[in-house]
Amino acid sequence: MSEDSTTVKAYVSLSFADTEEALLTSNVTFCTSLPDVRPYIRDLEAVTDAAVAEISLEDCPAWS
């Protein structure tokens, strides 16, 4: 499957909340790539304040 505006990616992140308790927080965001819109995370490899995974259908061959 080639990358186009119909390809959905999920971004799963884990990080510590910026509170005294430093609770572990998580977030899941689904989005598509659009040619005139900046990506959800521009440089995924440079993220240092959270654990982030980018997942697409191509990562799950059993589902295709």
C-alpha atoms as a PDB file:
ATOM      1  CA  MET A   1       0.000   0.000   0.000  1.00  0.00           C
ATOM      2  CA  SER A   2       1.475   3.333  -0.975  1.00  0.00           C
ATOM      3  CA  GLU A   3       1.264   6.354   1.284  1.00  0.00           C
ATOM      4  CA  ASP A   4      -1.598   8.622   0.276  1.00  0.00           C
ATOM      5  CA  SER A   5      -4.270  10.745   1.906  1.00  0.00           C
ATOM      6  CA  THR A   6      -6.358   7.642   2.714  1.00  0.00           C
ATOM      7  CA  THR A   7      -3.607   5.898   4.707  1.00  0.00           C
ATOM      8  CA  VAL A   8      -4.494   6.118   8.391  1.00  0.00           C
ATOM      9  CA  LYS A   9      -1.732   6.053  10.982  1.00  0.00           C
ATOM     10  CA  ALA A  10      -2.091   5.662  14.712  1.00  0.00           C
ATOM     11  CA  TYR A  11       0.306   7.391  17.069  1.00  0.00           C
ATOM     12  CA  VAL A  12       0.464   5.854  20.540  1.00  0.00           C
ATOM     13  CA  SER A  13       2.364   7.795  23.178  1.00  0.00           C
ATOM     14  CA  LEU A  14       3.288   7.228  26.805  1.00  0.00           C
ATOM     15  CA  SER A  15       4.707   9.961  29.010  1.00  0.00           C
ATOM     16  CA  PHE A  16       4.734  11.246  32.544  1.00  0.00           C
ATOM     17  CA  ALA A  17       2.284  14.029  33.396  1.00  0.00           C
ATOM     18  CA  ASP A  18       3.837  17.367  34.290  1.00  0.00           C
ATOM     19  CA  THR A  19       2.493  17.209  37.832  1.00  0.00           C
ATOM     20  CA  GLU A  20       3.968  16.506  41.247  1.00  0.00           C
ATOM     21  CA  GLU A  21       2.660  12.927  41.089  1.00  0.00           C
ATOM     22  CA  ALA A  22       4.196  12.389  37.612  1.00  0.00           C
ATOM     23  CA  LEU A  23       1.419   9.985  36.661  1.00  0.00           C
ATOM     24  CA  LEU A  24       1.903   7.939  33.518  1.00  0.00           C
ATOM     25  CA  THR A  25      -0.345   9.223  30.754  1.00  0.00           C
ATOM     26  CA  SER A  26      -1.179   7.785  27.352  1.00  0.00           C
ATOM     27  CA  ASN A  27      -2.620   9.157  24.162  1.00  0.00           C
ATOM     28  CA  VAL A  28      -3.755   7.630  20.868  1.00  0.00           C
ATOM     29  CA  THR A  29      -4.172   9.821  17.811  1.00  0.00           C
ATOM     30  CA  PHE A  30      -5.382   8.678  14.392  1.00  0.00           C
ATOM     31  CA  CYS A  31      -4.616  10.775  11.334  1.00  0.00           C
ATOM     32  CA  THR A  32      -3.963  10.725   7.604  1.00  0.00           C
ATOM     33  CA  SER A  33      -1.182  12.434   5.698  1.00  0.00           C
ATOM     34  CA  LEU A  34      -2.212  15.431   3.632  1.00  0.00           C
ATOM     35  CA  PRO A  35       0.146  17.136   1.167  1.00  0.00           C
ATOM     36  CA  ASP A  36      -0.460  20.684   2.475  1.00  0.00           C
ATOM     37  CA  VAL A  37      -0.518  19.838   6.228  1.00  0.00           C
ATOM     38  CA  ARG A  38       2.469  19.311   8.500  1.00  0.00           C
ATOM     39  CA  PRO A  39       2.780  15.742   9.828  1.00  0.00           C
ATOM     40  CA  TYR A  40       1.438  14.953  13.303  1.00  0.00           C
ATOM     41  CA  ILE A  41       5.008  14.462  14.567  1.00  0.00           C
ATOM     42  CA  ARG A  42       7.597  15.960  12.229  1.00  0.00           C
ATOM     43  CA  ASP A  43      10.669  14.068  13.533  1.00  0.00           C
ATOM     44  CA  LEU A  44       9.481  10.992  15.398  1.00  0.00           C
ATOM     45  CA  GLU A  45      13.036   9.815  16.140  1.00  0.00           C
ATOM     46  CA  ALA A  46      13.833  13.110  17.916  1.00  0.00           C
ATOM     47  CA  VAL A  47      11.062  12.789  20.530  1.00  0.00           C
ATOM     48  CA  THR A  48      12.712  12.548  23.960  1.00  0.00           C
ATOM     49  CA  ASP A  49       9.941  13.367  26.438  1.00  0.00           C
ATOM     50  CA  ALA A  50       7.638  10.456  25.532  1.00  0.00           C
ATOM     51  CA  ALA A  51       7.620   6.970  24.084  1.00  0.00           C
ATOM     52  CA  VAL A  52       5.847   7.199  20.724  1.00  0.00           C
ATOM     53  CA  ALA A  53       4.930   4.479  18.249  1.00  0.00           C
ATOM     54  CA  GLU A  54       3.665   5.129  14.729  1.00  0.00           C
ATOM     55  CA  ILE A  55       1.475   2.253  13.529  1.00  0.00           C
ATOM     56  CA  SER A  56      -0.166   1.723  10.155  1.00  0.00           C
ATOM     57  CA  LEU A  57      -1.932  -1.153   8.445  1.00  0.00           C
ATOM     58  CA  GLU A  58       1.387  -2.035   6.780  1.00  0.00           C
ATOM     59  CA  ASP A  59       2.761  -2.854  10.255  1.00  0.00           C
ATOM     60  CA  CYS A  60       0.073  -5.498  10.742  1.00  0.00           C
ATOM     61  CA  PRO A  61       0.225  -7.938   7.796  1.00  0.00           C
ATOM     62  CA  ALA A  62      -2.287 -10.288   9.429  1.00  0.00           C
ATOM     63  CA  TRP A  63      -4.959  -7.565   9.051  1.00  0.00           C
ATOM     64  CA  SER A  64      -4.390  -6.938   5.346  1.00  0.00           C
END
